[in-house]
Amino acid sequence: MARKGLSRDTIVDAAAALAEQKGMENLTVRELADALGVKPASLYNHLQGLPELNVRLAERALDRLMQTLEQVMDGRPVTDTLRALAAAYRTFAQEQPQLYRAMMLLPRFSDPGLVARKKAFMDLFVRMLEPLGLPARERVHLSRLIRSTLHGYVSMETAGFFRSPLATADESYERATEWLCEQIERTEANYHGGTIHQ
């Protein structure tokens, strides 16, 4: 019988907190059960072991990141929105690095809920570019460039890179964001006869 008050959501919340303490690779069903004060068997009333737990953690990560990013999608000029989105993205990865890692395991998963969340995540970046009036294909290319840049930077930073005393990681991230903004402006100008409209 499932313990009263124990639910999949409470289990996933506890797993997320435990993962941030110990690392995703060190998360076990036994430790999670101990953290919740239950026997490991109780967890199997709600989840089918670690594989499903990893899926639910990825869902939780995407939900939290999407909520964070949606807050800056407020109708500002596209490049201003990108600056705010880039800052929010990096902050999320810094504050919840293990959940961010869980999210980046997404390509391995075929769970319908995850597939839908992954599409919504990718669509958010394409949607941000809609005011530019670019062809859909060009928006996809730009959105991939943006996502790849942000993910590549925060992943390397989390791994311990970017510690040169000659330039701070903050400065480099700001420059990377500005280069993305410049690329957006150049691409838009190419499609609108040299006139930038936002």
N, C-alpha and C. Protein backbone atom coordinates (compact mmCIF):
# COMPACT_ATOMS: atom_id res chain seq x y z
N MET A 1 0.85 -1.19 0.00
CA MET A 1 0.00 0.00 0.00
C MET A 1 0.88 1.24 0.00
N ALA A 2 0.52 2.25 -0.80
CA ALA A 2 1.30 3.48 -0.87
C ALA A 2 1.17 4.26 0.42
N ARG A 3 2.26 4.84 0.83
CA ARG A 3 2.25 5.66 2.05
C ARG A 3 1.39 6.88 1.84
N LYS A 4 0.54 7.22 2.80
CA LYS A 4 -0.31 8.39 2.72
C LYS A 4 0.56 9.64 2.62
N GLY A 5 0.25 10.49 1.65
CA GLY A 5 1.01 11.71 1.47
C GLY A 5 2.15 11.57 0.49
N LEU A 6 2.50 10.34 0.15
CA LEU A 6 3.56 10.09 -0.82
C LEU A 6 2.96 10.06 -2.21
N SER A 7 3.52 10.85 -3.11
CA SER A 7 3.01 10.91 -4.48
C SER A 7 4.19 10.98 -5.43
N ARG A 8 3.90 10.83 -6.71
CA ARG A 8 4.98 10.93 -7.68
C ARG A 8 5.63 12.30 -7.63
N ASP A 9 4.82 13.35 -7.44
CA ASP A 9 5.37 14.71 -7.38
C ASP A 9 6.31 14.89 -6.19
N THR A 10 5.90 14.39 -5.03
CA THR A 10 6.77 14.55 -3.85
C THR A 10 8.06 13.75 -4.04
N ILE A 11 7.95 12.59 -4.68
CA ILE A 11 9.14 11.77 -4.93
C ILE A 11 10.08 12.49 -5.88
N VAL A 12 9.54 13.06 -6.96
CA VAL A 12 10.37 13.75 -7.94
C VAL A 12 11.00 15.00 -7.31
N ASP A 13 10.25 15.71 -6.49
CA ASP A 13 10.81 16.88 -5.80
C ASP A 13 11.98 16.47 -4.91
N ALA A 14 11.80 15.40 -4.17
CA ALA A 14 12.87 14.93 -3.29
C ALA A 14 14.06 14.45 -4.11
N ALA A 15 13.80 13.79 -5.22
CA ALA A 15 14.89 13.31 -6.08
C ALA A 15 15.66 14.48 -6.66
N ALA A 16 14.96 15.54 -7.05
CA ALA A 16 15.63 16.72 -7.60
C ALA A 16 16.55 17.35 -6.55
N ALA A 17 16.05 17.47 -5.31
CA ALA A 17 16.87 18.04 -4.25
C ALA A 17 18.07 17.15 -3.95
N LEU A 18 17.86 15.83 -3.94
CA LEU A 18 18.95 14.90 -3.65
C LEU A 18 19.98 14.91 -4.77
N ALA A 19 19.51 15.01 -6.00
CA ALA A 19 20.43 15.05 -7.14
C ALA A 19 21.31 16.29 -7.07
N GLU A 20 20.75 17.42 -6.66
CA GLU A 20 21.55 18.63 -6.55
C GLU A 20 22.61 18.51 -5.45
N GLN A 21 22.32 17.70 -4.44
CA GLN A 21 23.29 17.50 -3.36
C GLN A 21 24.39 16.53 -3.75
N LYS A 22 24.00 15.43 -4.40
CA LYS A 22 24.93 14.33 -4.61
C LYS A 22 25.35 14.11 -6.05
N GLY A 23 24.61 14.72 -6.99
CA GLY A 23 24.88 14.50 -8.40
C GLY A 23 23.94 13.47 -9.00
N MET A 24 23.54 13.69 -10.24
CA MET A 24 22.61 12.77 -10.90
C MET A 24 23.14 11.34 -10.93
N GLU A 25 24.44 11.19 -11.17
CA GLU A 25 25.00 9.86 -11.31
C GLU A 25 25.03 9.09 -9.99
N ASN A 26 24.87 9.81 -8.88
CA ASN A 26 24.91 9.17 -7.56
C ASN A 26 23.53 8.95 -6.96
N LEU A 27 22.50 9.27 -7.71
CA LEU A 27 21.13 9.13 -7.21
C LEU A 27 20.71 7.66 -7.25
N THR A 28 20.28 7.14 -6.09
CA THR A 28 19.82 5.74 -6.02
C THR A 28 18.44 5.71 -5.40
N VAL A 29 17.72 4.63 -5.70
CA VAL A 29 16.38 4.45 -5.13
C VAL A 29 16.46 4.34 -3.62
N ARG A 30 17.48 3.64 -3.12
CA ARG A 30 17.59 3.46 -1.67
C ARG A 30 17.81 4.79 -0.96
N GLU A 31 18.72 5.62 -1.49
CA GLU A 31 18.96 6.93 -0.86
C GLU A 31 17.73 7.82 -0.94
N LEU A 32 17.03 7.73 -2.03
CA LEU A 32 15.82 8.52 -2.18
C LEU A 32 14.76 8.09 -1.17
N ALA A 33 14.63 6.77 -1.01
CA ALA A 33 13.68 6.26 -0.02
C ALA A 33 14.06 6.71 1.38
N ASP A 34 15.35 6.65 1.70
CA ASP A 34 15.82 7.11 3.01
C ASP A 34 15.48 8.58 3.23
N ALA A 35 15.68 9.39 2.19
CA ALA A 35 15.40 10.82 2.31
C ALA A 35 13.92 11.08 2.56
N LEU A 36 13.08 10.21 2.03
CA LEU A 36 11.63 10.37 2.20
C LEU A 36 11.11 9.64 3.43
N GLY A 37 11.99 8.86 4.08
CA GLY A 37 11.58 8.13 5.28
C GLY A 37 10.67 6.95 4.98
N VAL A 38 10.88 6.31 3.83
CA VAL A 38 10.06 5.16 3.45
C VAL A 38 10.98 4.02 3.01
N LYS A 39 10.39 2.86 2.79
CA LYS A 39 11.15 1.74 2.25
C LYS A 39 11.21 1.86 0.72
N PRO A 40 12.29 1.39 0.12
CA PRO A 40 12.41 1.48 -1.34
C PRO A 40 11.20 0.93 -2.08
N ALA A 41 10.60 -0.13 -1.54
CA ALA A 41 9.44 -0.72 -2.22
C ALA A 41 8.28 0.27 -2.35
N SER A 42 8.19 1.21 -1.41
CA SER A 42 7.09 2.18 -1.46
C SER A 42 7.17 3.06 -2.70
N LEU A 43 8.40 3.31 -3.17
CA LEU A 43 8.57 4.19 -4.33
C LEU A 43 8.03 3.53 -5.59
N TYR A 44 8.08 2.19 -5.62
CA TYR A 44 7.64 1.48 -6.82
C TYR A 44 6.13 1.48 -6.98
N ASN A 45 5.41 1.99 -5.98
CA ASN A 45 3.98 2.20 -6.14
C ASN A 45 3.69 3.41 -7.01
N HIS A 46 4.73 4.24 -7.22
CA HIS A 46 4.54 5.49 -7.96
C HIS A 46 5.43 5.59 -9.20
N LEU A 47 6.56 4.89 -9.17
CA LEU A 47 7.53 4.96 -10.27
C LEU A 47 8.07 3.56 -10.55
N GLN A 48 8.47 3.34 -11.79
CA GLN A 48 9.00 2.03 -12.17
C GLN A 48 10.53 2.02 -12.14
N GLY A 49 11.11 2.57 -11.08
CA GLY A 49 12.55 2.53 -10.91
C GLY A 49 13.26 3.76 -11.46
N LEU A 50 14.59 3.67 -11.49
CA LEU A 50 15.41 4.82 -11.90
C LEU A 50 15.16 5.30 -13.32
N PRO A 51 14.94 4.43 -14.29
CA PRO A 51 14.70 4.93 -15.65
C PRO A 51 13.52 5.89 -15.72
N GLU A 52 12.41 5.51 -15.08
CA GLU A 52 11.26 6.42 -15.09
C GLU A 52 11.55 7.66 -14.26
N LEU A 53 12.26 7.50 -13.15
CA LEU A 53 12.60 8.66 -12.33
C LEU A 53 13.42 9.67 -13.14
N ASN A 54 14.35 9.19 -13.95
CA ASN A 54 15.14 10.08 -14.79
C ASN A 54 14.26 10.85 -15.78
N VAL A 55 13.27 10.16 -16.31
CA VAL A 55 12.33 10.82 -17.22
C VAL A 55 11.57 11.92 -16.49
N ARG A 56 11.08 11.62 -15.29
CA ARG A 56 10.32 12.61 -14.52
C ARG A 56 11.20 13.78 -14.09
N LEU A 57 12.47 13.50 -13.80
CA LEU A 57 13.39 14.60 -13.47
C LEU A 57 13.62 15.49 -14.68
N ALA A 58 13.74 14.89 -15.84
CA ALA A 58 13.89 15.68 -17.06
C ALA A 58 12.65 16.53 -17.31
N GLU A 59 11.49 15.95 -17.07
CA GLU A 59 10.24 16.72 -17.18
C GLU A 59 10.24 17.91 -16.22
N ARG A 60 10.62 17.63 -14.99
CA ARG A 60 10.63 18.69 -13.98
C ARG A 60 11.61 19.79 -14.37
N ALA A 61 12.77 19.40 -14.87
CA ALA A 61 13.76 20.39 -15.29
C ALA A 61 13.22 21.26 -16.42
N LEU A 62 12.63 20.63 -17.41
CA LEU A 62 12.10 21.39 -18.54
C LEU A 62 10.96 22.31 -18.11
N ASP A 63 10.09 21.82 -17.24
CA ASP A 63 8.98 22.64 -16.75
C ASP A 63 9.52 23.89 -16.04
N ARG A 64 10.52 23.69 -15.19
CA ARG A 64 11.08 24.83 -14.44
C ARG A 64 11.80 25.80 -15.36
N LEU A 65 12.57 25.26 -16.30
CA LEU A 65 13.28 26.14 -17.22
C LEU A 65 12.31 26.89 -18.11
N MET A 66 11.29 26.21 -18.62
CA MET A 66 10.30 26.87 -19.47
C MET A 66 9.58 27.98 -18.70
N GLN A 67 9.25 27.71 -17.46
CA GLN A 67 8.59 28.74 -16.65
C GLN A 67 9.50 29.95 -16.49
N THR A 68 10.79 29.70 -16.27
CA THR A 68 11.77 30.78 -16.13
C THR A 68 11.88 31.59 -17.41
N LEU A 69 11.97 30.91 -18.54
CA LEU A 69 12.16 31.60 -19.81
C LEU A 69 10.90 32.33 -20.27
N GLU A 70 9.75 31.74 -20.01
CA GLU A 70 8.50 32.39 -20.42
C GLU A 70 8.32 33.75 -19.74
N GLN A 71 8.89 33.89 -18.55
CA GLN A 71 8.75 35.15 -17.81
C GLN A 71 9.42 36.32 -18.51
N VAL A 72 10.39 36.05 -19.40
CA VAL A 72 11.08 37.15 -20.09
C VAL A 72 10.57 37.33 -21.52
N MET A 73 9.59 36.52 -21.93
CA MET A 73 9.01 36.65 -23.26
C MET A 73 7.86 37.64 -23.19
N ASP A 74 8.19 38.92 -23.12
CA ASP A 74 7.17 39.92 -22.81
C ASP A 74 6.98 40.97 -23.90
N GLY A 75 7.33 40.65 -25.13
CA GLY A 75 7.03 41.57 -26.22
C GLY A 75 8.05 42.66 -26.45
N ARG A 76 9.20 42.59 -25.78
CA ARG A 76 10.25 43.57 -26.04
C ARG A 76 10.87 43.32 -27.41
N PRO A 77 11.70 44.25 -27.91
CA PRO A 77 12.44 43.95 -29.14
C PRO A 77 13.17 42.62 -29.02
N VAL A 78 13.32 41.93 -30.13
CA VAL A 78 13.86 40.56 -30.11
C VAL A 78 15.22 40.48 -29.44
N THR A 79 16.11 41.41 -29.77
CA THR A 79 17.45 41.33 -29.17
C THR A 79 17.41 41.59 -27.67
N ASP A 80 16.52 42.45 -27.21
CA ASP A 80 16.38 42.66 -25.76
C ASP A 80 15.84 41.41 -25.09
N THR A 81 14.88 40.77 -25.75
CA THR A 81 14.35 39.52 -25.21
C THR A 81 15.44 38.46 -25.13
N LEU A 82 16.27 38.39 -26.17
CA LEU A 82 17.35 37.41 -26.17
C LEU A 82 18.32 37.67 -25.02
N ARG A 83 18.66 38.92 -24.77
CA ARG A 83 19.56 39.22 -23.65
C ARG A 83 18.98 38.74 -22.33
N ALA A 84 17.69 39.01 -22.12
CA ALA A 84 17.03 38.58 -20.89
C ALA A 84 16.93 37.06 -20.82
N LEU A 85 16.62 36.44 -21.95
CA LEU A 85 16.49 34.99 -21.99
C LEU A 85 17.83 34.32 -21.73
N ALA A 86 18.90 34.85 -22.32
CA ALA A 86 20.23 34.28 -22.11
C ALA A 86 20.63 34.36 -20.64
N ALA A 87 20.33 35.48 -20.00
CA ALA A 87 20.66 35.64 -18.58
C ALA A 87 19.87 34.64 -17.74
N ALA A 88 18.58 34.49 -18.04
CA ALA A 88 17.73 33.58 -17.28
C ALA A 88 18.18 32.13 -17.48
N TYR A 89 18.57 31.80 -18.69
CA TYR A 89 19.03 30.44 -19.02
C TYR A 89 20.27 30.09 -18.22
N ARG A 90 21.22 30.99 -18.20
CA ARG A 90 22.47 30.73 -17.47
C ARG A 90 22.23 30.65 -15.97
N THR A 91 21.38 31.51 -15.45
CA THR A 91 21.08 31.48 -14.03
C THR A 91 20.46 30.14 -13.63
N PHE A 92 19.54 29.66 -14.46
CA PHE A 92 18.92 28.37 -14.18
C PHE A 92 19.98 27.27 -14.13
N ALA A 93 20.86 27.24 -15.12
CA ALA A 93 21.88 26.21 -15.19
C ALA A 93 22.85 26.30 -14.01
N GLN A 94 23.11 27.51 -13.54
CA GLN A 94 24.01 27.69 -12.40
C GLN A 94 23.36 27.27 -11.09
N GLU A 95 22.08 27.58 -10.95
CA GLU A 95 21.39 27.33 -9.69
C GLU A 95 20.89 25.90 -9.56
N GLN A 96 20.62 25.25 -10.70
CA GLN A 96 20.10 23.88 -10.68
C GLN A 96 20.87 23.02 -11.69
N PRO A 97 22.17 22.88 -11.48
CA PRO A 97 23.01 22.22 -12.49
C PRO A 97 22.65 20.76 -12.74
N GLN A 98 22.21 20.05 -11.71
CA GLN A 98 21.90 18.64 -11.91
C GLN A 98 20.58 18.46 -12.66
N LEU A 99 19.61 19.31 -12.38
CA LEU A 99 18.37 19.27 -13.16
C LEU A 99 18.65 19.64 -14.61
N TYR A 100 19.56 20.59 -14.80
CA TYR A 100 19.92 20.96 -16.16
C TYR A 100 20.54 19.76 -16.88
N ARG A 101 21.37 19.02 -16.19
CA ARG A 101 21.95 17.81 -16.78
C ARG A 101 20.86 16.81 -17.13
N ALA A 102 19.87 16.67 -16.26
CA ALA A 102 18.77 15.74 -16.53
C ALA A 102 18.03 16.15 -17.79
N MET A 103 17.85 17.44 -17.96
CA MET A 103 17.15 17.94 -19.14
C MET A 103 17.92 17.62 -20.41
N MET A 104 19.23 17.68 -20.35
CA MET A 104 20.04 17.47 -21.54
C MET A 104 20.18 15.99 -21.91
N LEU A 105 19.58 15.10 -21.11
CA LEU A 105 19.50 13.70 -21.50
C LEU A 105 18.30 13.44 -22.40
N LEU A 106 17.55 14.49 -22.68
CA LEU A 106 16.30 14.36 -23.43
C LEU A 106 16.38 13.56 -24.72
N PRO A 107 17.39 13.73 -25.56
CA PRO A 107 17.40 12.98 -26.81
C PRO A 107 17.34 11.47 -26.63
N ARG A 108 17.67 10.99 -25.44
CA ARG A 108 17.65 9.54 -25.19
C ARG A 108 16.24 9.04 -24.88
N PHE A 109 15.33 9.95 -24.61
CA PHE A 109 14.01 9.55 -24.12
C PHE A 109 12.96 9.67 -25.22
N SER A 110 12.01 8.72 -25.23
CA SER A 110 10.91 8.78 -26.18
C SER A 110 9.56 8.92 -25.48
N ASP A 111 9.58 9.18 -24.18
CA ASP A 111 8.35 9.36 -23.42
C ASP A 111 7.52 10.48 -24.04
N PRO A 112 6.21 10.25 -24.29
CA PRO A 112 5.39 11.26 -24.96
C PRO A 112 5.38 12.62 -24.25
N GLY A 113 5.34 12.60 -22.92
CA GLY A 113 5.35 13.86 -22.19
C GLY A 113 6.64 14.62 -22.40
N LEU A 114 7.75 13.90 -22.45
CA LEU A 114 9.04 14.55 -22.68
C LEU A 114 9.16 15.06 -24.10
N VAL A 115 8.66 14.28 -25.05
CA VAL A 115 8.71 14.71 -26.45
C VAL A 115 7.95 16.02 -26.62
N ALA A 116 6.78 16.12 -25.98
CA ALA A 116 5.99 17.35 -26.08
C ALA A 116 6.71 18.52 -25.42
N ARG A 117 7.34 18.27 -24.28
CA ARG A 117 8.06 19.34 -23.60
C ARG A 117 9.28 19.79 -24.41
N LYS A 118 9.98 18.82 -25.01
CA LYS A 118 11.13 19.17 -25.82
C LYS A 118 10.72 20.05 -26.99
N LYS A 119 9.60 19.71 -27.63
CA LYS A 119 9.12 20.51 -28.75
C LYS A 119 8.75 21.92 -28.29
N ALA A 120 8.09 22.02 -27.14
CA ALA A 120 7.72 23.34 -26.62
C ALA A 120 8.96 24.18 -26.32
N PHE A 121 10.00 23.54 -25.80
CA PHE A 121 11.25 24.23 -25.50
C PHE A 121 11.88 24.78 -26.79
N MET A 122 11.96 23.94 -27.82
CA MET A 122 12.53 24.39 -29.09
C MET A 122 11.67 25.47 -29.73
N ASP A 123 10.35 25.30 -29.64
CA ASP A 123 9.44 26.27 -30.24
C ASP A 123 9.53 27.64 -29.58
N LEU A 124 9.87 27.67 -28.29
CA LEU A 124 9.98 28.95 -27.60
C LEU A 124 11.02 29.85 -28.27
N PHE A 125 12.14 29.27 -28.66
CA PHE A 125 13.19 30.07 -29.30
C PHE A 125 12.78 30.50 -30.70
N VAL A 126 12.09 29.63 -31.41
CA VAL A 126 11.58 30.00 -32.72
C VAL A 126 10.54 31.12 -32.59
N ARG A 127 9.68 30.99 -31.57
CA ARG A 127 8.65 32.00 -31.33
C ARG A 127 9.25 33.35 -30.99
N MET A 128 10.34 33.35 -30.26
CA MET A 128 11.00 34.61 -29.92
C MET A 128 11.41 35.37 -31.17
N LEU A 129 11.74 34.65 -32.24
CA LEU A 129 12.23 35.27 -33.47
C LEU A 129 11.11 35.66 -34.44
N GLU A 130 9.87 35.31 -34.15
CA GLU A 130 8.77 35.58 -35.08
C GLU A 130 8.62 37.05 -35.46
N PRO A 131 8.81 38.01 -34.52
CA PRO A 131 8.62 39.41 -34.90
C PRO A 131 9.58 39.89 -35.99
N LEU A 132 10.62 39.15 -36.26
CA LEU A 132 11.59 39.56 -37.28
C LEU A 132 11.05 39.39 -38.69
N GLY A 133 10.00 38.60 -38.85
CA GLY A 133 9.43 38.39 -40.17
C GLY A 133 10.30 37.55 -41.08
N LEU A 134 11.11 36.68 -40.52
CA LEU A 134 11.99 35.83 -41.31
C LEU A 134 11.24 34.58 -41.77
N PRO A 135 11.70 33.95 -42.83
CA PRO A 135 11.12 32.66 -43.23
C PRO A 135 11.27 31.64 -42.10
N ALA A 136 10.34 30.69 -42.02
CA ALA A 136 10.35 29.70 -40.94
C ALA A 136 11.67 28.93 -40.90
N ARG A 137 12.22 28.60 -42.06
CA ARG A 137 13.47 27.86 -42.11
C ARG A 137 14.60 28.66 -41.47
N GLU A 138 14.64 29.96 -41.74
CA GLU A 138 15.70 30.80 -41.18
C GLU A 138 15.56 30.93 -39.67
N ARG A 139 14.32 30.98 -39.20
CA ARG A 139 14.11 31.06 -37.75
C ARG A 139 14.61 29.79 -37.07
N VAL A 140 14.41 28.64 -37.71
CA VAL A 140 14.91 27.38 -37.14
C VAL A 140 16.43 27.40 -37.06
N HIS A 141 17.09 27.85 -38.13
CA HIS A 141 18.55 27.93 -38.11
C HIS A 141 19.03 28.83 -36.97
N LEU A 142 18.42 30.01 -36.85
CA LEU A 142 18.84 30.95 -35.80
C LEU A 142 18.56 30.39 -34.41
N SER A 143 17.42 29.75 -34.25
CA SER A 143 17.08 29.21 -32.92
C SER A 143 18.07 28.12 -32.52
N ARG A 144 18.52 27.32 -33.48
CA ARG A 144 19.52 26.30 -33.18
C ARG A 144 20.85 26.93 -32.79
N LEU A 145 21.22 27.98 -33.48
CA LEU A 145 22.46 28.69 -33.13
C LEU A 145 22.39 29.22 -31.72
N ILE A 146 21.26 29.83 -31.37
CA ILE A 146 21.10 30.40 -30.03
C ILE A 146 21.15 29.31 -28.97
N ARG A 147 20.37 28.26 -29.14
CA ARG A 147 20.34 27.18 -28.14
C ARG A 147 21.70 26.51 -27.99
N SER A 148 22.37 26.30 -29.12
CA SER A 148 23.69 25.65 -29.07
C SER A 148 24.71 26.53 -28.35
N THR A 149 24.65 27.83 -28.60
CA THR A 149 25.59 28.74 -27.95
C THR A 149 25.37 28.79 -26.45
N LEU A 150 24.12 28.95 -26.04
CA LEU A 150 23.81 29.04 -24.61
C LEU A 150 24.16 27.73 -23.90
N HIS A 151 23.76 26.61 -24.50
CA HIS A 151 24.04 25.32 -23.86
C HIS A 151 25.54 25.05 -23.82
N GLY A 152 26.23 25.31 -24.92
CA GLY A 152 27.66 25.06 -24.94
C GLY A 152 28.40 25.87 -23.90
N TYR A 153 28.01 27.13 -23.75
CA TYR A 153 28.70 27.99 -22.79
C TYR A 153 28.46 27.52 -21.36
N VAL A 154 27.19 27.34 -20.99
CA VAL A 154 26.91 26.99 -19.59
C VAL A 154 27.44 25.60 -19.26
N SER A 155 27.48 24.69 -20.23
CA SER A 155 28.00 23.35 -19.98
C SER A 155 29.50 23.40 -19.70
N MET A 156 30.22 24.16 -20.52
CA MET A 156 31.67 24.28 -20.30
C MET A 156 31.97 25.03 -19.01
N GLU A 157 31.17 26.05 -18.73
CA GLU A 157 31.39 26.80 -17.49
C GLU A 157 31.17 25.90 -16.27
N THR A 158 30.11 25.09 -16.30
CA THR A 158 29.83 24.17 -15.21
C THR A 158 30.94 23.15 -15.04
N ALA A 159 31.57 22.78 -16.16
CA ALA A 159 32.65 21.79 -16.12
C ALA A 159 33.97 22.38 -15.64
N GLY A 160 34.00 23.68 -15.38
CA GLY A 160 35.19 24.29 -14.80
C GLY A 160 36.05 25.10 -15.75
N PHE A 161 35.56 25.32 -16.97
CA PHE A 161 36.30 26.16 -17.91
C PHE A 161 36.04 27.64 -17.63
N PHE A 162 36.70 28.50 -18.40
CA PHE A 162 36.50 29.95 -18.36
C PHE A 162 36.95 30.59 -17.05
N ARG A 163 38.15 30.20 -16.59
CA ARG A 163 38.66 30.76 -15.34
C ARG A 163 39.93 31.60 -15.54
N SER A 164 40.16 31.99 -16.76
CA SER A 164 41.34 32.82 -17.04
C SER A 164 41.22 34.15 -16.32
N PRO A 165 42.33 34.64 -15.72
CA PRO A 165 42.29 35.94 -15.05
C PRO A 165 42.21 37.11 -16.03
N LEU A 166 42.38 36.83 -17.32
CA LEU A 166 42.36 37.90 -18.32
C LEU A 166 40.95 38.35 -18.67
N ALA A 167 39.97 37.51 -18.44
CA ALA A 167 38.58 37.86 -18.78
C ALA A 167 37.65 37.01 -17.93
N THR A 168 36.64 37.62 -17.36
CA THR A 168 35.71 36.88 -16.51
C THR A 168 34.71 36.11 -17.37
N ALA A 169 34.16 35.08 -16.78
CA ALA A 169 33.13 34.29 -17.47
C ALA A 169 31.90 35.15 -17.76
N ASP A 170 31.58 36.08 -16.86
CA ASP A 170 30.44 36.97 -17.09
C ASP A 170 30.65 37.82 -18.34
N GLU A 171 31.84 38.36 -18.48
CA GLU A 171 32.14 39.21 -19.63
C GLU A 171 32.04 38.41 -20.93
N SER A 172 32.58 37.21 -20.93
CA SER A 172 32.54 36.40 -22.14
C SER A 172 31.11 36.01 -22.50
N TYR A 173 30.31 35.72 -21.50
CA TYR A 173 28.92 35.36 -21.77
C TYR A 173 28.16 36.54 -22.36
N GLU A 174 28.41 37.72 -21.81
CA GLU A 174 27.78 38.93 -22.36
C GLU A 174 28.19 39.15 -23.80
N ARG A 175 29.46 38.92 -24.10
CA ARG A 175 29.93 39.07 -25.48
C ARG A 175 29.29 38.04 -26.41
N ALA A 176 29.20 36.83 -25.93
CA ALA A 176 28.56 35.79 -26.74
C ALA A 176 27.12 36.15 -27.04
N THR A 177 26.43 36.69 -26.03
CA THR A 177 25.05 37.11 -26.23
C THR A 177 24.96 38.25 -27.24
N GLU A 178 25.89 39.21 -27.14
CA GLU A 178 25.87 40.33 -28.08
C GLU A 178 26.19 39.87 -29.50
N TRP A 179 27.07 38.90 -29.65
CA TRP A 179 27.36 38.37 -30.98
C TRP A 179 26.12 37.69 -31.57
N LEU A 180 25.37 37.02 -30.73
CA LEU A 180 24.11 36.44 -31.20
C LEU A 180 23.15 37.52 -31.64
N CYS A 181 23.08 38.59 -30.87
CA CYS A 181 22.21 39.71 -31.24
C CYS A 181 22.63 40.31 -32.58
N GLU A 182 23.94 40.45 -32.78
CA GLU A 182 24.43 40.99 -34.04
C GLU A 182 24.08 40.07 -35.20
N GLN A 183 24.18 38.77 -34.97
CA GLN A 183 23.83 37.82 -36.03
C GLN A 183 22.34 37.92 -36.38
N ILE A 184 21.53 38.07 -35.38
CA ILE A 184 20.09 38.25 -35.61
C ILE A 184 19.84 39.49 -36.46
N GLU A 185 20.50 40.58 -36.11
CA GLU A 185 20.31 41.83 -36.84
C GLU A 185 20.80 41.73 -38.28
N ARG A 186 21.95 41.07 -38.47
CA ARG A 186 22.45 40.89 -39.83
C ARG A 186 21.52 40.03 -40.67
N THR A 187 21.02 38.95 -40.06
CA THR A 187 20.12 38.07 -40.79
C THR A 187 18.84 38.80 -41.17
N GLU A 188 18.32 39.56 -40.23
CA GLU A 188 17.09 40.31 -40.52
C GLU A 188 17.33 41.33 -41.62
N ALA A 189 18.46 42.03 -41.55
CA ALA A 189 18.77 43.04 -42.56
C ALA A 189 18.87 42.42 -43.95
N ASN A 190 19.42 41.22 -44.02
CA ASN A 190 19.54 40.54 -45.31
C ASN A 190 18.18 40.26 -45.93
N TYR A 191 17.18 40.04 -45.09
CA TYR A 191 15.85 39.70 -45.59
C TYR A 191 14.94 40.92 -45.75
N HIS A 192 15.39 42.05 -45.27
CA HIS A 192 14.54 43.24 -45.35
C HIS A 192 15.29 44.42 -45.98
N GLY A 193 16.14 44.12 -46.92
CA GLY A 193 16.79 45.18 -47.70
C GLY A 193 17.66 46.11 -46.90
N GLY A 194 18.28 45.57 -45.83
CA GLY A 194 19.21 46.40 -45.07
C GLY A 194 18.55 47.23 -43.97
N THR A 195 17.22 47.12 -43.83
CA THR A 195 16.52 47.89 -42.79
C THR A 195 16.15 46.93 -41.66
N ILE A 196 16.52 47.26 -40.46
CA ILE A 196 16.26 46.40 -39.31
C ILE A 196 14.96 46.83 -38.65
N HIS A 197 14.02 45.89 -38.58
CA HIS A 197 12.71 46.16 -37.94
C HIS A 197 12.55 45.22 -36.75
N GLN A 198 12.22 45.79 -35.62
CA GLN A 198 11.91 44.96 -34.44
C GLN A 198 10.65 45.49 -33.80
